[in-house]
Protein backbone atom coordinates (compact mmCIF):
# COMPACT_ATOMS: atom_id res chain seq x y z
CA UNK A 1 0.00 0.00 0.00
CA UNK A 2 1.97 3.02 -1.24
CA UNK A 3 -0.16 5.61 0.59
CA UNK A 4 1.29 4.40 3.89
CA UNK A 5 4.85 5.10 2.78
CA UNK A 6 5.84 8.33 4.63
CA UNK A 7 8.84 9.05 2.42
CA UNK A 8 7.41 11.29 -0.32
CA UNK A 9 4.64 12.77 1.86
CA UNK A 10 7.04 13.89 4.55
CA UNK A 11 9.15 15.73 1.98
CA UNK A 12 6.03 17.39 0.57
CA UNK A 13 5.01 18.45 4.09
CA UNK A 14 8.45 19.90 4.84
CA UNK A 15 8.71 21.81 1.56
CA UNK A 16 5.19 23.19 1.81
CA UNK A 17 5.86 24.49 5.35
CA UNK A 18 9.14 25.93 4.14
CA UNK A 19 7.24 27.88 1.49
CA UNK A 20 4.57 29.02 3.95
CA UNK A 21 7.02 30.14 6.62
CA UNK A 22 9.90 31.61 4.60
CA UNK A 23 8.97 32.58 1.06
CA UNK A 24 5.39 33.84 1.34
CA UNK A 25 5.89 36.20 4.36
CA UNK A 26 8.87 37.88 2.70
CA UNK A 27 6.88 38.48 -0.47
CA UNK A 28 3.91 39.84 1.47
CA UNK A 29 6.01 42.14 3.66
CA UNK A 30 7.74 43.67 0.61
CA UNK A 31 4.51 45.33 -0.48
CA UNK A 32 3.97 48.88 0.69
CA UNK A 33 0.70 50.58 1.38
CA UNK A 34 -0.24 53.15 -1.29
CA UNK A 35 -1.55 55.53 1.38
CA UNK A 36 1.03 55.98 4.08
CA UNK A 37 -0.44 57.20 7.37
CA UNK A 38 0.25 60.82 8.16
CA UNK A 39 1.00 61.91 11.73
CA UNK A 40 -1.77 63.78 13.47
CA UNK A 41 -1.28 67.40 14.40
CA UNK A 42 -0.89 68.26 18.07
CA UNK A 43 -3.48 71.04 17.85
CA UNK A 44 -6.95 70.36 19.18
CA UNK A 45 -9.99 71.00 17.05
CA UNK A 46 -12.31 73.64 18.41
CA UNK A 47 -15.66 72.13 19.24
CA UNK A 48 -18.81 74.17 19.57
CA UNK A 49 -21.91 73.22 21.50
CA UNK A 50 -24.86 72.19 19.42
CA UNK A 51 -28.15 73.85 20.27
CA UNK A 52 -30.93 71.32 19.98
CA UNK A 53 -34.11 72.74 18.43
CA UNK A 54 -36.49 71.37 21.11
PDB file of N, CA and C in Angstrom:
ATOM      1  N   UNK A   1       0.847  -1.183   0.000  1.00  0.00           N
ATOM      2  CA  UNK A   1       0.000   0.000   0.000  1.00  0.00           C
ATOM      3  C   UNK A   1       0.887   1.239   0.000  1.00  0.00           C
ATOM      4  N   UNK A   2       1.031   1.909  -1.129  1.00  0.00           N
ATOM      5  CA  UNK A   2       1.966   3.019  -1.238  1.00  0.00           C
ATOM      6  C   UNK A   2       1.531   4.251  -0.449  1.00  0.00           C
ATOM      7  N   UNK A   3       0.249   4.411  -0.141  1.00  0.00           N
ATOM      8  CA  UNK A   3      -0.164   5.610   0.587  1.00  0.00           C
ATOM      9  C   UNK A   3       0.317   5.592   2.039  1.00  0.00           C
ATOM     10  N   UNK A   4       0.777   4.465   2.528  1.00  0.00           N
ATOM     11  CA  UNK A   4       1.292   4.404   3.886  1.00  0.00           C
ATOM     12  C   UNK A   4       2.785   4.668   3.954  1.00  0.00           C
ATOM     13  N   UNK A   5       3.422   4.813   2.809  1.00  0.00           N
ATOM     14  CA  UNK A   5       4.848   5.102   2.780  1.00  0.00           C
ATOM     15  C   UNK A   5       5.060   6.578   3.113  1.00  0.00           C
ATOM     16  N   UNK A   6       5.708   6.921   4.243  1.00  0.00           N
ATOM     17  CA  UNK A   6       5.837   8.327   4.629  1.00  0.00           C
ATOM     18  C   UNK A   6       6.925   9.084   3.882  1.00  0.00           C
ATOM     19  N   UNK A   7       7.703   8.406   3.075  1.00  0.00           N
ATOM     20  CA  UNK A   7       8.844   9.051   2.416  1.00  0.00           C
ATOM     21  C   UNK A   7       8.481  10.254   1.568  1.00  0.00           C
ATOM     22  N   UNK A   8       7.696  10.117   0.512  1.00  0.00           N
ATOM     23  CA  UNK A   8       7.413  11.294  -0.319  1.00  0.00           C
ATOM     24  C   UNK A   8       6.502  12.301   0.377  1.00  0.00           C
ATOM     25  N   UNK A   9       5.593  11.848   1.223  1.00  0.00           N
ATOM     26  CA  UNK A   9       4.641  12.771   1.857  1.00  0.00           C
ATOM     27  C   UNK A   9       5.320  13.633   2.907  1.00  0.00           C
ATOM     28  N   UNK A  10       6.308  13.088   3.578  1.00  0.00           N
ATOM     29  CA  UNK A  10       7.040  13.887   4.554  1.00  0.00           C
ATOM     30  C   UNK A  10       7.829  15.003   3.867  1.00  0.00           C
ATOM     31  N   UNK A  11       8.419  14.695   2.731  1.00  0.00           N
ATOM     32  CA  UNK A  11       9.149  15.726   1.980  1.00  0.00           C
ATOM     33  C   UNK A  11       8.195  16.809   1.478  1.00  0.00           C
ATOM     34  N   UNK A  12       7.020  16.415   1.018  1.00  0.00           N
ATOM     35  CA  UNK A  12       6.026  17.391   0.565  1.00  0.00           C
ATOM     36  C   UNK A  12       5.590  18.281   1.729  1.00  0.00           C
ATOM     37  N   UNK A  13       5.391  17.679   2.896  1.00  0.00           N
ATOM     38  CA  UNK A  13       5.014  18.446   4.087  1.00  0.00           C
ATOM     39  C   UNK A  13       6.100  19.447   4.456  1.00  0.00           C
ATOM     40  N   UNK A  14       7.343  19.013   4.454  1.00  0.00           N
ATOM     41  CA  UNK A  14       8.446  19.900   4.837  1.00  0.00           C
ATOM     42  C   UNK A  14       8.592  21.042   3.840  1.00  0.00           C
ATOM     43  N   UNK A  15       8.535  20.757   2.562  1.00  0.00           N
ATOM     44  CA  UNK A  15       8.705  21.809   1.561  1.00  0.00           C
ATOM     45  C   UNK A  15       7.535  22.778   1.547  1.00  0.00           C
ATOM     46  N   UNK A  16       6.339  22.278   1.783  1.00  0.00           N
ATOM     47  CA  UNK A  16       5.194  23.189   1.812  1.00  0.00           C
ATOM     48  C   UNK A  16       5.274  24.129   3.016  1.00  0.00           C
ATOM     49  N   UNK A  17       5.694  23.615   4.190  1.00  0.00           N
ATOM     50  CA  UNK A  17       5.856  24.489   5.350  1.00  0.00           C
ATOM     51  C   UNK A  17       7.015  25.453   5.145  1.00  0.00           C
ATOM     52  N   UNK A  18       8.037  25.028   4.451  1.00  0.00           N
ATOM     53  CA  UNK A  18       9.135  25.929   4.138  1.00  0.00           C
ATOM     54  C   UNK A  18       8.643  27.102   3.296  1.00  0.00           C
ATOM     55  N   UNK A  19       7.797  26.814   2.324  1.00  0.00           N
ATOM     56  CA  UNK A  19       7.241  27.876   1.486  1.00  0.00           C
ATOM     57  C   UNK A  19       6.351  28.788   2.317  1.00  0.00           C
ATOM     58  N   UNK A  20       5.494  28.207   3.162  1.00  0.00           N
ATOM     59  CA  UNK A  20       4.572  29.022   3.947  1.00  0.00           C
ATOM     60  C   UNK A  20       5.287  29.894   4.982  1.00  0.00           C
ATOM     61  N   UNK A  21       6.374  29.414   5.540  1.00  0.00           N
ATOM     62  CA  UNK A  21       7.023  30.136   6.620  1.00  0.00           C
ATOM     63  C   UNK A  21       8.164  31.043   6.182  1.00  0.00           C
ATOM     64  N   UNK A  22       8.730  30.826   5.008  1.00  0.00           N
ATOM     65  CA  UNK A  22       9.896  31.609   4.595  1.00  0.00           C
ATOM     66  C   UNK A  22       9.596  32.463   3.374  1.00  0.00           C
ATOM     67  N   UNK A  23       9.083  31.872   2.339  1.00  0.00           N
ATOM     68  CA  UNK A  23       8.967  32.579   1.065  1.00  0.00           C
ATOM     69  C   UNK A  23       7.765  33.509   1.039  1.00  0.00           C
ATOM     70  N   UNK A  24       6.600  33.031   1.431  1.00  0.00           N
ATOM     71  CA  UNK A  24       5.385  33.841   1.340  1.00  0.00           C
ATOM     72  C   UNK A  24       5.435  35.068   2.258  1.00  0.00           C
ATOM     73  N   UNK A  25       5.847  34.973   3.541  1.00  0.00           N
ATOM     74  CA  UNK A  25       5.885  36.200   4.358  1.00  0.00           C
ATOM     75  C   UNK A  25       6.836  37.265   3.820  1.00  0.00           C
ATOM     76  N   UNK A  26       7.962  36.867   3.242  1.00  0.00           N
ATOM     77  CA  UNK A  26       8.873  37.885   2.703  1.00  0.00           C
ATOM     78  C   UNK A  26       8.254  38.579   1.500  1.00  0.00           C
ATOM     79  N   UNK A  27       7.520  37.854   0.683  1.00  0.00           N
ATOM     80  CA  UNK A  27       6.877  38.483  -0.468  1.00  0.00           C
ATOM     81  C   UNK A  27       5.743  39.409  -0.028  1.00  0.00           C
ATOM     82  N   UNK A  28       5.014  39.016   0.998  1.00  0.00           N
ATOM     83  CA  UNK A  28       3.906  39.842   1.468  1.00  0.00           C
ATOM     84  C   UNK A  28       4.431  41.108   2.146  1.00  0.00           C
ATOM     85  N   UNK A  29       5.496  40.986   2.929  1.00  0.00           N
ATOM     86  CA  UNK A  29       6.014  42.138   3.655  1.00  0.00           C
ATOM     87  C   UNK A  29       6.735  43.132   2.748  1.00  0.00           C
ATOM     88  N   UNK A  30       7.072  42.749   1.535  1.00  0.00           N
ATOM     89  CA  UNK A  30       7.739  43.670   0.610  1.00  0.00           C
ATOM     90  C   UNK A  30       6.769  44.673   0.002  1.00  0.00           C
ATOM     91  N   UNK A  31       5.489  44.404   0.080  1.00  0.00           N
ATOM     92  CA  UNK A  31       4.505  45.328  -0.480  1.00  0.00           C
ATOM     93  C   UNK A  31       4.330  46.508   0.472  1.00  0.00           C
ATOM     94  N   UNK A  32       4.190  47.684  -0.118  1.00  0.00           N
ATOM     95  CA  UNK A  32       3.971  48.875   0.689  1.00  0.00           C
ATOM     96  C   UNK A  32       2.550  49.358   0.480  1.00  0.00           C
ATOM     97  N   UNK A  33       2.050  50.046   1.466  1.00  0.00           N
ATOM     98  CA  UNK A  33       0.702  50.585   1.383  1.00  0.00           C
ATOM     99  C   UNK A  33       0.715  51.815   0.486  1.00  0.00           C
ATOM    100  N   UNK A  34      -0.249  51.977  -0.415  1.00  0.00           N
ATOM    101  CA  UNK A  34      -0.244  53.152  -1.288  1.00  0.00           C
ATOM    102  C   UNK A  34      -0.539  54.445  -0.525  1.00  0.00           C
ATOM    103  N   UNK A  35      -1.231  54.351   0.589  1.00  0.00           N
ATOM    104  CA  UNK A  35      -1.553  55.534   1.381  1.00  0.00           C
ATOM    105  C   UNK A  35      -0.860  55.417   2.724  1.00  0.00           C
ATOM    106  N   UNK A  36       0.296  56.027   2.829  1.00  0.00           N
ATOM    107  CA  UNK A  36       1.032  55.983   4.077  1.00  0.00           C
ATOM    108  C   UNK A  36       0.316  56.840   5.117  1.00  0.00           C
ATOM    109  N   UNK A  37       0.243  56.396   6.353  1.00  0.00           N
ATOM    110  CA  UNK A  37      -0.440  57.202   7.373  1.00  0.00           C
ATOM    111  C   UNK A  37       0.338  58.477   7.689  1.00  0.00           C
ATOM    112  N   UNK A  38      -0.390  59.555   7.828  1.00  0.00           N
ATOM    113  CA  UNK A  38       0.246  60.824   8.158  1.00  0.00           C
ATOM    114  C   UNK A  38       0.108  61.065   9.657  1.00  0.00           C
ATOM    115  N   UNK A  39       1.110  61.644  10.279  1.00  0.00           N
ATOM    116  CA  UNK A  39       1.002  61.907  11.726  1.00  0.00           C
ATOM    117  C   UNK A  39      -0.053  62.976  11.996  1.00  0.00           C
ATOM    118  N   UNK A  40      -0.746  62.807  13.098  1.00  0.00           N
ATOM    119  CA  UNK A  40      -1.765  63.777  13.470  1.00  0.00           C
ATOM    120  C   UNK A  40      -1.123  65.029  14.052  1.00  0.00           C
ATOM    121  N   UNK A  41      -1.774  66.151  13.836  1.00  0.00           N
ATOM    122  CA  UNK A  41      -1.279  67.403  14.400  1.00  0.00           C
ATOM    123  C   UNK A  41      -1.555  67.428  15.898  1.00  0.00           C
ATOM    124  N   UNK A  42      -0.727  68.166  16.619  1.00  0.00           N
ATOM    125  CA  UNK A  42      -0.892  68.257  18.069  1.00  0.00           C
ATOM    126  C   UNK A  42      -2.009  69.224  18.451  1.00  0.00           C
ATOM    127  N   UNK A  43      -2.452  70.037  17.519  1.00  0.00           N
ATOM    128  CA  UNK A  43      -3.476  71.036  17.848  1.00  0.00           C
ATOM    129  C   UNK A  43      -4.837  70.366  18.003  1.00  0.00           C
ATOM    130  N   UNK A  44      -5.606  70.880  18.929  1.00  0.00           N
ATOM    131  CA  UNK A  44      -6.949  70.358  19.177  1.00  0.00           C
ATOM    132  C   UNK A  44      -7.944  71.091  18.282  1.00  0.00           C
ATOM    133  N   UNK A  45      -8.930  70.375  17.829  1.00  0.00           N
ATOM    134  CA  UNK A  45      -9.985  71.001  17.046  1.00  0.00           C
ATOM    135  C   UNK A  45     -10.949  71.706  17.985  1.00  0.00           C
ATOM    136  N   UNK A  46     -11.369  72.883  17.579  1.00  0.00           N
ATOM    137  CA  UNK A  46     -12.306  73.636  18.413  1.00  0.00           C
ATOM    138  C   UNK A  46     -13.703  73.059  18.214  1.00  0.00           C
ATOM    139  N   UNK A  47     -14.300  72.658  19.303  1.00  0.00           N
ATOM    140  CA  UNK A  47     -15.660  72.127  19.239  1.00  0.00           C
ATOM    141  C   UNK A  47     -16.629  73.162  19.765  1.00  0.00           C
ATOM    142  N   UNK A  48     -17.781  73.219  19.152  1.00  0.00           N
ATOM    143  CA  UNK A  48     -18.808  74.166  19.565  1.00  0.00           C
ATOM    144  C   UNK A  48     -20.019  73.388  20.041  1.00  0.00           C
ATOM    145  N   UNK A  49     -20.708  73.919  21.054  1.00  0.00           N
ATOM    146  CA  UNK A  49     -21.914  73.219  21.502  1.00  0.00           C
ATOM    147  C   UNK A  49     -23.001  73.304  20.437  1.00  0.00           C
ATOM    148  N   UNK A  50     -23.808  72.273  20.402  1.00  0.00           N
ATOM    149  CA  UNK A  50     -24.863  72.195  19.416  1.00  0.00           C
ATOM    150  C   UNK A  50     -26.182  72.472  20.108  1.00  0.00           C
ATOM    151  N   UNK A  51     -26.869  73.500  19.674  1.00  0.00           N
ATOM    152  CA  UNK A  51     -28.154  73.850  20.274  1.00  0.00           C
ATOM    153  C   UNK A  51     -29.243  72.991  19.648  1.00  0.00           C
ATOM    154  N   UNK A  52     -29.864  72.176  20.471  1.00  0.00           N
ATOM    155  CA  UNK A  52     -30.929  71.320  19.980  1.00  0.00           C
ATOM    156  C   UNK A  52     -32.189  72.156  19.782  1.00  0.00           C
ATOM    157  N   UNK A  53     -32.950  71.892  18.737  1.00  0.00           N
ATOM    158  CA  UNK A  53     -34.108  72.744  18.430  1.00  0.00           C
ATOM    159  C   UNK A  53     -35.311  72.515  19.368  1.00  0.00           C
ATOM    160  N   UNK A  54     -35.308  71.549  20.245  1.00  0.00           N
ATOM    161  CA  UNK A  54     -36.485  71.367  21.107  1.00  0.00           C
ATOM    162  C   UNK A  54     -36.278  71.810  22.495  1.00  0.00           C
TER     163      UNK A  54
END
